Amino acid sequence: MRLPFALLACLLALPAAAKEASVRITNRGARAINEIYVASAAVNAWGEDRLGSRTLGSGASHLVALPPGQCVNDIRIILDGGEAKERRRVNTCAQGDLVFP
């Protein structure tokens, strides 16, 4: 009987950084978002498009999973028509929801 309580106590003691991190991108603009890039602010590459073949229409949201502990990120979206918008050095651990454009 003590083992389940001990296991629960250990799980509750895990640091917050061990939890899965994510950021929700919401499109409040009139144009669709065709691409979303989220990369650590410590690197100089955007990586892969987090939307893939999907688009994010007006009013829609998309949850982007991030590595545990990766809190300071650069975010780039590409709108329908090719216009890019960026936000740099966003603390996604403190601010888990971002609205564009």
PDB file of N, CA and C in Angstrom:
ATOM      1  N   MET A   1       0.819  -1.193   0.000  1.00  0.00           N
ATOM      2  CA  MET A   1       0.000   0.000   0.000  1.00  0.00           C
ATOM      3  C   MET A   1       0.862   1.255   0.000  1.00  0.00           C
ATOM      4  N   ARG A   2       2.040   1.198   0.625  1.00  0.00           N
ATOM      5  CA  ARG A   2       2.904   2.378   0.678  1.00  0.00           C
ATOM      6  C   ARG A   2       3.518   2.699  -0.680  1.00  0.00           C
ATOM      7  N   LEU A   3       3.761   1.693  -1.496  1.00  0.00           N
ATOM      8  CA  LEU A   3       4.412   1.905  -2.786  1.00  0.00           C
ATOM      9  C   LEU A   3       3.628   2.859  -3.685  1.00  0.00           C
ATOM     10  N   PRO A   4       2.302   2.718  -3.871  1.00  0.00           N
ATOM     11  CA  PRO A   4       1.589   3.677  -4.724  1.00  0.00           C
ATOM     12  C   PRO A   4       1.680   5.118  -4.211  1.00  0.00           C
ATOM     13  N   PHE A   5       1.641   5.304  -2.889  1.00  0.00           N
ATOM     14  CA  PHE A   5       1.749   6.655  -2.341  1.00  0.00           C
ATOM     15  C   PHE A   5       3.143   7.221  -2.557  1.00  0.00           C
ATOM     16  N   ALA A   6       4.157   6.379  -2.432  1.00  0.00           N
ATOM     17  CA  ALA A   6       5.534   6.827  -2.657  1.00  0.00           C
ATOM     18  C   ALA A   6       5.733   7.200  -4.120  1.00  0.00           C
ATOM     19  N   LEU A   7       5.175   6.407  -5.011  1.00  0.00           N
ATOM     20  CA  LEU A   7       5.275   6.700  -6.439  1.00  0.00           C
ATOM     21  C   LEU A   7       4.569   8.018  -6.763  1.00  0.00           C
ATOM     22  N   LEU A   8       3.394   8.216  -6.212  1.00  0.00           N
ATOM     23  CA  LEU A   8       2.665   9.463  -6.426  1.00  0.00           C
ATOM     24  C   LEU A   8       3.459  10.658  -5.897  1.00  0.00           C
ATOM     25  N   ALA A   9       4.060  10.528  -4.753  1.00  0.00           N
ATOM     26  CA  ALA A   9       4.864  11.610  -4.174  1.00  0.00           C
ATOM     27  C   ALA A   9       6.043  11.940  -5.068  1.00  0.00           C
ATOM     28  N   CYS A  10       6.673  10.932  -5.653  1.00  0.00           N
ATOM     29  CA  CYS A  10       7.807  11.170  -6.559  1.00  0.00           C
ATOM     30  C   CYS A  10       7.356  11.889  -7.822  1.00  0.00           C
ATOM     31  N   LEU A  11       6.217  11.477  -8.361  1.00  0.00           N
ATOM     32  CA  LEU A  11       5.712  12.121  -9.577  1.00  0.00           C
ATOM     33  C   LEU A  11       5.352  13.577  -9.329  1.00  0.00           C
ATOM     34  N   LEU A  12       4.774  13.869  -8.195  1.00  0.00           N
ATOM     35  CA  LEU A  12       4.407  15.247  -7.875  1.00  0.00           C
ATOM     36  C   LEU A  12       5.631  16.116  -7.628  1.00  0.00           C
ATOM     37  N   ALA A  13       6.746  15.505  -7.291  1.00  0.00           N
ATOM     38  CA  ALA A  13       7.958  16.250  -6.998  1.00  0.00           C
ATOM     39  C   ALA A  13       8.781  16.556  -8.244  1.00  0.00           C
ATOM     40  N   LEU A  14       8.382  16.030  -9.402  1.00  0.00           N
ATOM     41  CA  LEU A  14       9.127  16.296 -10.624  1.00  0.00           C
ATOM     42  C   LEU A  14       9.106  17.782 -10.943  1.00  0.00           C
ATOM     43  N   PRO A  15      10.209  18.319 -11.455  1.00  0.00           N
ATOM     44  CA  PRO A  15      10.222  19.744 -11.799  1.00  0.00           C
ATOM     45  C   PRO A  15       9.292  20.045 -12.962  1.00  0.00           C
ATOM     46  N   ALA A  16       8.862  21.296 -13.031  1.00  0.00           N
ATOM     47  CA  ALA A  16       7.941  21.718 -14.095  1.00  0.00           C
ATOM     48  C   ALA A  16       8.553  21.528 -15.468  1.00  0.00           C
ATOM     49  N   ALA A  17       9.868  21.642 -15.600  1.00  0.00           N
ATOM     50  CA  ALA A  17      10.528  21.503 -16.899  1.00  0.00           C
ATOM     51  C   ALA A  17      10.371  20.104 -17.467  1.00  0.00           C
ATOM     52  N   ALA A  18      10.085  19.102 -16.634  1.00  0.00           N
ATOM     53  CA  ALA A  18       9.938  17.738 -17.115  1.00  0.00           C
ATOM     54  C   ALA A  18       8.591  17.534 -17.807  1.00  0.00           C
ATOM     55  N   LYS A  19       7.654  18.425 -17.608  1.00  0.00           N
ATOM     56  CA  LYS A  19       6.356  18.323 -18.249  1.00  0.00           C
ATOM     57  C   LYS A  19       6.485  18.685 -19.717  1.00  0.00           C
ATOM     58  N   GLU A  20       5.592  18.134 -20.523  1.00  0.00           N
ATOM     59  CA  GLU A  20       5.612  18.448 -21.944  1.00  0.00           C
ATOM     60  C   GLU A  20       5.274  19.922 -22.140  1.00  0.00           C
ATOM     61  N   ALA A  21       6.051  20.601 -22.928  1.00  0.00           N
ATOM     62  CA  ALA A  21       5.847  22.023 -23.193  1.00  0.00           C
ATOM     63  C   ALA A  21       5.127  22.191 -24.534  1.00  0.00           C
ATOM     64  N   SER A  22       4.375  23.278 -24.658  1.00  0.00           N
ATOM     65  CA  SER A  22       3.688  23.562 -25.913  1.00  0.00           C
ATOM     66  C   SER A  22       3.315  25.038 -25.966  1.00  0.00           C
ATOM     67  N   VAL A  23       2.981  25.478 -27.169  1.00  0.00           N
ATOM     68  CA  VAL A  23       2.471  26.828 -27.370  1.00  0.00           C
ATOM     69  C   VAL A  23       1.299  26.728 -28.345  1.00  0.00           C
ATOM     70  N   ARG A  24       0.218  27.450 -28.035  1.00  0.00           N
ATOM     71  CA  ARG A  24      -0.956  27.463 -28.909  1.00  0.00           C
ATOM     72  C   ARG A  24      -0.912  28.738 -29.749  1.00  0.00           C
ATOM     73  N   ILE A  25      -0.971  28.556 -31.074  1.00  0.00           N
ATOM     74  CA  ILE A  25      -0.993  29.669 -32.026  1.00  0.00           C
ATOM     75  C   ILE A  25      -2.436  29.830 -32.500  1.00  0.00           C
ATOM     76  N   THR A  26      -2.978  31.043 -32.354  1.00  0.00           N
ATOM     77  CA  THR A  26      -4.348  31.321 -32.793  1.00  0.00           C
ATOM     78  C   THR A  26      -4.313  32.385 -33.887  1.00  0.00           C
ATOM     79  N   ASN A  27      -5.053  32.152 -34.936  1.00  0.00           N
ATOM     80  CA  ASN A  27      -5.140  33.087 -36.053  1.00  0.00           C
ATOM     81  C   ASN A  27      -6.361  33.981 -35.860  1.00  0.00           C
ATOM     82  N   ARG A  28      -6.119  35.262 -35.602  1.00  0.00           N
ATOM     83  CA  ARG A  28      -7.214  36.234 -35.464  1.00  0.00           C
ATOM     84  C   ARG A  28      -7.292  37.159 -36.677  1.00  0.00           C
ATOM     85  N   GLY A  29      -6.494  36.873 -37.688  1.00  0.00           N
ATOM     86  CA  GLY A  29      -6.493  37.698 -38.889  1.00  0.00           C
ATOM     87  C   GLY A  29      -7.484  37.202 -39.926  1.00  0.00           C
ATOM     88  N   ALA A  30      -7.628  37.968 -40.991  1.00  0.00           N
ATOM     89  CA  ALA A  30      -8.550  37.605 -42.065  1.00  0.00           C
ATOM     90  C   ALA A  30      -7.955  36.571 -43.012  1.00  0.00           C
ATOM     91  N   ARG A  31      -6.617  36.549 -43.119  1.00  0.00           N
ATOM     92  CA  ARG A  31      -5.946  35.606 -44.024  1.00  0.00           C
ATOM     93  C   ARG A  31      -5.531  34.345 -43.282  1.00  0.00           C
ATOM     94  N   ALA A  32      -5.506  33.236 -44.002  1.00  0.00           N
ATOM     95  CA  ALA A  32      -5.072  31.964 -43.424  1.00  0.00           C
ATOM     96  C   ALA A  32      -3.570  31.997 -43.136  1.00  0.00           C
ATOM     97  N   ILE A  33      -3.173  31.252 -42.131  1.00  0.00           N
ATOM     98  CA  ILE A  33      -1.747  31.021 -41.858  1.00  0.00           C
ATOM     99  C   ILE A  33      -1.394  29.718 -42.565  1.00  0.00           C
ATOM    100  N   ASN A  34      -0.399  29.788 -43.456  1.00  0.00           N
ATOM    101  CA  ASN A  34      -0.004  28.620 -44.232  1.00  0.00           C
ATOM    102  C   ASN A  34       1.158  27.852 -43.614  1.00  0.00           C
ATOM    103  N   GLU A  35       1.980  28.529 -42.821  1.00  0.00           N
ATOM    104  CA  GLU A  35       3.139  27.875 -42.222  1.00  0.00           C
ATOM    105  C   GLU A  35       3.377  28.445 -40.825  1.00  0.00           C
ATOM    106  N   ILE A  36       3.837  27.594 -39.912  1.00  0.00           N
ATOM    107  CA  ILE A  36       4.225  28.007 -38.565  1.00  0.00           C
ATOM    108  C   ILE A  36       5.582  27.394 -38.256  1.00  0.00           C
ATOM    109  N   TYR A  37       6.502  28.229 -37.792  1.00  0.00           N
ATOM    110  CA  TYR A  37       7.823  27.772 -37.374  1.00  0.00           C
ATOM    111  C   TYR A  37       8.051  28.217 -35.938  1.00  0.00           C
ATOM    112  N   VAL A  38       8.509  27.308 -35.105  1.00  0.00           N
ATOM    113  CA  VAL A  38       8.859  27.627 -33.725  1.00  0.00           C
ATOM    114  C   VAL A  38      10.222  26.995 -33.478  1.00  0.00           C
ATOM    115  N   ALA A  39      11.184  27.838 -33.110  1.00  0.00           N
ATOM    116  CA  ALA A  39      12.545  27.353 -32.865  1.00  0.00           C
ATOM    117  C   ALA A  39      13.106  28.012 -31.617  1.00  0.00           C
ATOM    118  N   SER A  40      13.983  27.310 -30.957  1.00  0.00           N
ATOM    119  CA  SER A  40      14.669  27.884 -29.806  1.00  0.00           C
ATOM    120  C   SER A  40      15.364  29.167 -30.240  1.00  0.00           C
ATOM    121  N   ALA A  41      15.293  30.189 -29.401  1.00  0.00           N
ATOM    122  CA  ALA A  41      15.963  31.453 -29.712  1.00  0.00           C
ATOM    123  C   ALA A  41      17.475  31.283 -29.734  1.00  0.00           C
ATOM    124  N   ALA A  42      17.971  30.162 -29.229  1.00  0.00           N
ATOM    125  CA  ALA A  42      19.415  29.910 -29.182  1.00  0.00           C
ATOM    126  C   ALA A  42      19.974  29.369 -30.495  1.00  0.00           C
ATOM    127  N   VAL A  43      19.123  29.056 -31.458  1.00  0.00           N
ATOM    128  CA  VAL A  43      19.592  28.522 -32.746  1.00  0.00           C
ATOM    129  C   VAL A  43      19.243  29.491 -33.871  1.00  0.00           C
ATOM    130  N   ASN A  44      19.915  29.333 -35.000  1.00  0.00           N
ATOM    131  CA  ASN A  44      19.709  30.234 -36.136  1.00  0.00           C
ATOM    132  C   ASN A  44      19.018  29.548 -37.304  1.00  0.00           C
ATOM    133  N   ALA A  45      18.187  28.557 -37.027  1.00  0.00           N
ATOM    134  CA  ALA A  45      17.461  27.858 -38.087  1.00  0.00           C
ATOM    135  C   ALA A  45      16.012  27.649 -37.640  1.00  0.00           C
ATOM    136  N   TRP A  46      15.091  27.773 -38.580  1.00  0.00           N
ATOM    137  CA  TRP A  46      13.676  27.645 -38.245  1.00  0.00           C
ATOM    138  C   TRP A  46      13.229  26.203 -38.114  1.00  0.00           C
ATOM    139  N   GLY A  47      13.851  25.298 -38.815  1.00  0.00           N
ATOM    140  CA  GLY A  47      13.401  23.910 -38.759  1.00  0.00           C
ATOM    141  C   GLY A  47      12.207  23.689 -39.654  1.00  0.00           C
ATOM    142  N   GLU A  48      11.400  22.684 -39.301  1.00  0.00           N
ATOM    143  CA  GLU A  48      10.283  22.293 -40.160  1.00  0.00           C
ATOM    144  C   GLU A  48       9.025  23.117 -39.894  1.00  0.00           C
ATOM    145  N   ASP A  49       8.187  23.187 -40.924  1.00  0.00           N
ATOM    146  CA  ASP A  49       6.876  23.838 -40.817  1.00  0.00           C
ATOM    147  C   ASP A  49       6.010  22.984 -39.904  1.00  0.00           C
ATOM    148  N   ARG A  50       5.517  23.565 -38.814  1.00  0.00           N
ATOM    149  CA  ARG A  50       4.741  22.818 -37.820  1.00  0.00           C
ATOM    150  C   ARG A  50       3.302  22.551 -38.257  1.00  0.00           C
ATOM    151  N   LEU A  51       2.843  23.180 -39.344  1.00  0.00           N
ATOM    152  CA  LEU A  51       1.501  22.913 -39.859  1.00  0.00           C
ATOM    153  C   LEU A  51       1.484  21.793 -40.887  1.00  0.00           C
ATOM    154  N   GLY A  52       2.622  21.535 -41.506  1.00  0.00           N
ATOM    155  CA  GLY A  52       2.662  20.522 -42.563  1.00  0.00           C
ATOM    156  C   GLY A  52       1.813  20.955 -43.741  1.00  0.00           C
ATOM    157  N   SER A  53       0.931  20.087 -44.194  1.00  0.00           N
ATOM    158  CA  SER A  53       0.095  20.400 -45.358  1.00  0.00           C
ATOM    159  C   SER A  53      -1.193  21.128 -44.980  1.00  0.00           C
ATOM    160  N   ARG A  54      -1.420  21.356 -43.679  1.00  0.00           N
ATOM    161  CA  ARG A  54      -2.637  22.045 -43.223  1.00  0.00           C
ATOM    162  C   ARG A  54      -2.476  23.558 -43.312  1.00  0.00           C
ATOM    163  N   THR A  55      -3.590  24.265 -43.189  1.00  0.00           N
ATOM    164  CA  THR A  55      -3.596  25.716 -43.043  1.00  0.00           C
ATOM    165  C   THR A  55      -4.412  26.048 -41.799  1.00  0.00           C
ATOM    166  N   LEU A  56      -4.182  27.233 -41.272  1.00  0.00           N
ATOM    167  CA  LEU A  56      -4.880  27.673 -40.066  1.00  0.00           C
ATOM    168  C   LEU A  56      -5.769  28.853 -40.454  1.00  0.00           C
ATOM    169  N   GLY A  57      -7.056  28.597 -40.585  1.00  0.00           N
ATOM    170  CA  GLY A  57      -7.999  29.630 -40.985  1.00  0.00           C
ATOM    171  C   GLY A  57      -8.254  30.635 -39.879  1.00  0.00           C
ATOM    172  N   SER A  58      -8.956  31.701 -40.223  1.00  0.00           N
ATOM    173  CA  SER A  58      -9.291  32.745 -39.267  1.00  0.00           C
ATOM    174  C   SER A  58     -10.096  32.163 -38.107  1.00  0.00           C
ATOM    175  N   GLY A  59      -9.651  32.442 -36.877  1.00  0.00           N
ATOM    176  CA  GLY A  59     -10.312  31.949 -35.680  1.00  0.00           C
ATOM    177  C   GLY A  59      -9.844  30.587 -35.210  1.00  0.00           C
ATOM    178  N   ALA A  60      -9.053  29.895 -36.004  1.00  0.00           N
ATOM    179  CA  ALA A  60      -8.588  28.551 -35.645  1.00  0.00           C
ATOM    180  C   ALA A  60      -7.294  28.622 -34.835  1.00  0.00           C
ATOM    181  N   SER A  61      -7.022  27.539 -34.105  1.00  0.00           N
ATOM    182  CA  SER A  61      -5.808  27.442 -33.291  1.00  0.00           C
ATOM    183  C   SER A  61      -5.066  26.155 -33.615  1.00  0.00           C
ATOM    184  N   HIS A  62      -3.764  26.166 -33.338  1.00  0.00           N
ATOM    185  CA  HIS A  62      -2.924  24.986 -33.541  1.00  0.00           C
ATOM    186  C   HIS A  62      -1.961  24.878 -32.372  1.00  0.00           C
ATOM    187  N   LEU A  63      -1.877  23.707 -31.756  1.00  0.00           N
ATOM    188  CA  LEU A  63      -0.986  23.462 -30.633  1.00  0.00           C
ATOM    189  C   LEU A  63       0.332  22.899 -31.152  1.00  0.00           C
ATOM    190  N   VAL A  64       1.434  23.579 -30.808  1.00  0.00           N
ATOM    191  CA  VAL A  64       2.770  23.154 -31.227  1.00  0.00           C
ATOM    192  C   VAL A  64       3.491  22.580 -30.015  1.00  0.00           C
ATOM    193  N   ALA A  65       3.858  21.301 -30.077  1.00  0.00           N
ATOM    194  CA  ALA A  65       4.611  20.661 -28.995  1.00  0.00           C
ATOM    195  C   ALA A  65       6.069  21.112 -29.052  1.00  0.00           C
ATOM    196  N   LEU A  66       6.644  21.343 -27.882  1.00  0.00           N
ATOM    197  CA  LEU A  66       8.035  21.773 -27.760  1.00  0.00           C
ATOM    198  C   LEU A  66       8.784  20.825 -26.834  1.00  0.00           C
ATOM    199  N   PRO A  67      10.109  20.770 -26.974  1.00  0.00           N
ATOM    200  CA  PRO A  67      10.886  19.938 -26.053  1.00  0.00           C
ATOM    201  C   PRO A  67      10.761  20.464 -24.618  1.00  0.00           C
ATOM    202  N   PRO A  68      10.750  19.579 -23.627  1.00  0.00           N
ATOM    203  CA  PRO A  68      10.681  20.013 -22.233  1.00  0.00           C
ATOM    204  C   PRO A  68      11.810  20.994 -21.905  1.00  0.00           C
ATOM    205  N   GLY A  69      11.462  22.070 -21.230  1.00  0.00           N
ATOM    206  CA  GLY A  69      12.453  23.053 -20.817  1.00  0.00           C
ATOM    207  C   GLY A  69      12.820  24.090 -21.866  1.00  0.00           C
ATOM    208  N   GLN A  70      12.332  23.945 -23.091  1.00  0.00           N
ATOM    209  CA  GLN A  70      12.629  24.934 -24.139  1.00  0.00           C
ATOM    210  C   GLN A  70      11.628  26.070 -23.999  1.00  0.00           C
ATOM    211  N   CYS A  71      12.023  27.131 -23.308  1.00  0.00           N
ATOM    212  CA  CYS A  71      11.088  28.206 -22.967  1.00  0.00           C
ATOM    213  C   CYS A  71      11.225  29.469 -23.802  1.00  0.00           C
ATOM    214  N   VAL A  72      12.404  29.790 -24.276  1.00  0.00           N
ATOM    215  CA  VAL A  72      12.598  31.035 -25.026  1.00  0.00           C
ATOM    216  C   VAL A  72      12.687  30.678 -26.504  1.00  0.00           C
ATOM    217  N   ASN A  73      11.653  31.071 -27.238  1.00  0.00           N
ATOM    218  CA  ASN A  73      11.517  30.651 -28.631  1.00  0.00           C
ATOM    219  C   ASN A  73      11.254  31.827 -29.563  1.00  0.00           C
ATOM    220  N   ASP A  74      11.647  31.619 -30.807  1.00  0.00           N
ATOM    221  CA  ASP A  74      11.298  32.521 -31.894  1.00  0.00           C
ATOM    222  C   ASP A  74      10.158  31.867 -32.665  1.00  0.00           C
ATOM    223  N   ILE A  75       9.170  32.655 -33.043  1.00  0.00           N
ATOM    224  CA  ILE A  75       7.999  32.139 -33.764  1.00  0.00           C
ATOM    225  C   ILE A  75       7.848  32.922 -35.057  1.00  0.00           C
ATOM    226  N   ARG A  76       7.631  32.192 -36.148  1.00  0.00           N
ATOM    227  CA  ARG A  76       7.454  32.804 -37.468  1.00  0.00           C
ATOM    228  C   ARG A  76       6.235  32.166 -38.122  1.00  0.00           C
ATOM    229  N   ILE A  77       5.352  33.011 -38.650  1.00  0.00           N
ATOM    230  CA  ILE A  77       4.220  32.497 -39.418  1.00  0.00           C
ATOM    231  C   ILE A  77       4.309  33.056 -40.834  1.00  0.00           C
ATOM    232  N   ILE A  78       3.776  32.297 -41.761  1.00  0.00           N
ATOM    233  CA  ILE A  78       3.669  32.736 -43.154  1.00  0.00           C
ATOM    234  C   ILE A  78       2.186  32.764 -43.488  1.00  0.00           C
ATOM    235  N   LEU A  79       1.704  33.953 -43.829  1.00  0.00           N
ATOM    236  CA  LEU A  79       0.292  34.139 -44.170  1.00  0.00           C
ATOM    237  C   LEU A  79       0.030  33.781 -45.624  1.00  0.00           C
ATOM    238  N   ASP A  80      -1.229  33.530 -45.935  1.00  0.00           N
ATOM    239  CA  ASP A  80      -1.646  33.327 -47.313  1.00  0.00           C
ATOM    240  C   ASP A  80      -1.225  34.559 -48.107  1.00  0.00           C
ATOM    241  N   GLY A  81      -0.492  34.374 -49.167  1.00  0.00           N
ATOM    242  CA  GLY A  81       0.041  35.484 -49.942  1.00  0.00           C
ATOM    243  C   GLY A  81       1.535  35.651 -49.718  1.00  0.00           C
ATOM    244  N   GLY A  82       2.096  34.952 -48.706  1.00  0.00           N
ATOM    245  CA  GLY A  82       3.543  34.946 -48.511  1.00  0.00           C
ATOM    246  C   GLY A  82       4.104  35.891 -47.465  1.00  0.00           C
ATOM    247  N   GLU A  83       3.287  36.776 -46.888  1.00  0.00           N
ATOM    248  CA  GLU A  83       3.805  37.714 -45.888  1.00  0.00           C
ATOM    249  C   GLU A  83       4.205  36.957 -44.616  1.00  0.00           C
ATOM    250  N   ALA A  84       5.397  37.276 -44.097  1.00  0.00           N
ATOM    251  CA  ALA A  84       5.894  36.646 -42.873  1.00  0.00           C
ATOM    252  C   ALA A  84       5.752  37.604 -41.693  1.00  0.00           C
ATOM    253  N   LYS A  85       5.428  37.043 -40.536  1.00  0.00           N
ATOM    254  CA  LYS A  85       5.384  37.801 -39.284  1.00  0.00           C
ATOM    255  C   LYS A  85       6.163  36.995 -38.254  1.00  0.00           C
ATOM    256  N   GLU A  86       6.958  37.703 -37.447  1.00  0.00           N
ATOM    257  CA  GLU A  86       7.796  37.028 -36.465  1.00  0.00           C
ATOM    258  C   GLU A  86       7.653  37.647 -35.084  1.00  0.00           C
ATOM    259  N   ARG A  87       7.840  36.810 -34.088  1.00  0.00           N
ATOM    260  CA  ARG A  87       7.974  37.261 -32.703  1.00  0.00           C
ATOM    261  C   ARG A  87       9.233  36.581 -32.172  1.00  0.00           C
ATOM    262  N   ARG A  88      10.118  37.376 -31.616  1.00  0.00           N
ATOM    263  CA  ARG A  88      11.408  36.866 -31.155  1.00  0.00           C
ATOM    264  C   ARG A  88      11.460  36.798 -29.638  1.00  0.00           C
ATOM    265  N   ARG A  89      12.177  35.794 -29.147  1.00  0.00           N
ATOM    266  CA  ARG A  89      12.474  35.614 -27.726  1.00  0.00           C
ATOM    267  C   ARG A  89      11.208  35.604 -26.854  1.00  0.00           C
ATOM    268  N   VAL A  90      10.223  34.845 -27.293  1.00  0.00           N
ATOM    269  CA  VAL A  90       8.975  34.703 -26.544  1.00  0.00           C
ATOM    270  C   VAL A  90       9.165  33.618 -25.490  1.00  0.00           C
ATOM    271  N   ASN A  91       8.819  33.920 -24.249  1.00  0.00           N
ATOM    272  CA  ASN A  91       8.884  32.920 -23.195  1.00  0.00           C
ATOM    273  C   ASN A  91       7.594  32.105 -23.259  1.00  0.00           C
ATOM    274  N   THR A  92       7.646  30.987 -23.971  1.00  0.00           N
ATOM    275  CA  THR A  92       6.454  30.167 -24.185  1.00  0.00           C
ATOM    276  C   THR A  92       6.084  29.360 -22.935  1.00  0.00           C
ATOM    277  N   CYS A  93       6.981  29.269 -21.964  1.00  0.00           N
ATOM    278  CA  CYS A  93       6.618  28.607 -20.705  1.00  0.00           C
ATOM    279  C   CYS A  93       5.709  29.519 -19.869  1.00  0.00           C
ATOM    280  N   ALA A  94       5.931  30.819 -19.980  1.00  0.00           N
ATOM    281  CA  ALA A  94       5.099  31.790 -19.240  1.00  0.00           C
ATOM    282  C   ALA A  94       3.879  32.214 -20.057  1.00  0.00           C
ATOM    283  N   GLN A  95       4.016  32.222 -21.374  1.00  0.00           N
ATOM    284  CA  GLN A  95       2.946  32.665 -22.268  1.00  0.00           C
ATOM    285  C   GLN A  95       2.681  31.541 -23.253  1.00  0.00           C
ATOM    286  N   GLY A  96       1.742  30.676 -22.935  1.00  0.00           N
ATOM    287  CA  GLY A  96       1.476  29.487 -23.741  1.00  0.00           C
ATOM    288  C   GLY A  96       0.503  29.696 -24.875  1.00  0.00           C
ATOM    289  N   ASP A  97      -0.076  30.897 -24.997  1.00  0.00           N
ATOM    290  CA  ASP A  97      -1.012  31.197 -26.076  1.00  0.00           C
ATOM    291  C   ASP A  97      -0.559  32.459 -26.795  1.00  0.00           C
ATOM    292  N   LEU A  98      -0.418  32.361 -28.112  1.00  0.00           N
ATOM    293  CA  LEU A  98      -0.041  33.517 -28.928  1.00  0.00           C
ATOM    294  C   LEU A  98      -1.092  33.738 -29.997  1.00  0.00           C
ATOM    295  N   VAL A  99      -1.438  35.006 -30.203  1.00  0.00           N
ATOM    296  CA  VAL A  99      -2.421  35.377 -31.214  1.00  0.00           C
ATOM    297  C   VAL A  99      -1.710  36.134 -32.319  1.00  0.00           C
ATOM    298  N   PHE A 100      -1.980  35.726 -33.554  1.00  0.00           N
ATOM    299  CA  PHE A 100      -1.448  36.410 -34.729  1.00  0.00           C
ATOM    300  C   PHE A 100      -2.622  36.882 -35.551  1.00  0.00           C
ATOM    301  N   PRO A 101      -2.513  37.839 -36.429  1.00  0.00           N
ATOM    302  CA  PRO A 101      -1.270  38.543 -36.743  1.00  0.00           C
ATOM    303  C   PRO A 101      -0.976  39.643 -35.817  1.00  0.00           C
TER     304      PRO A 101
END
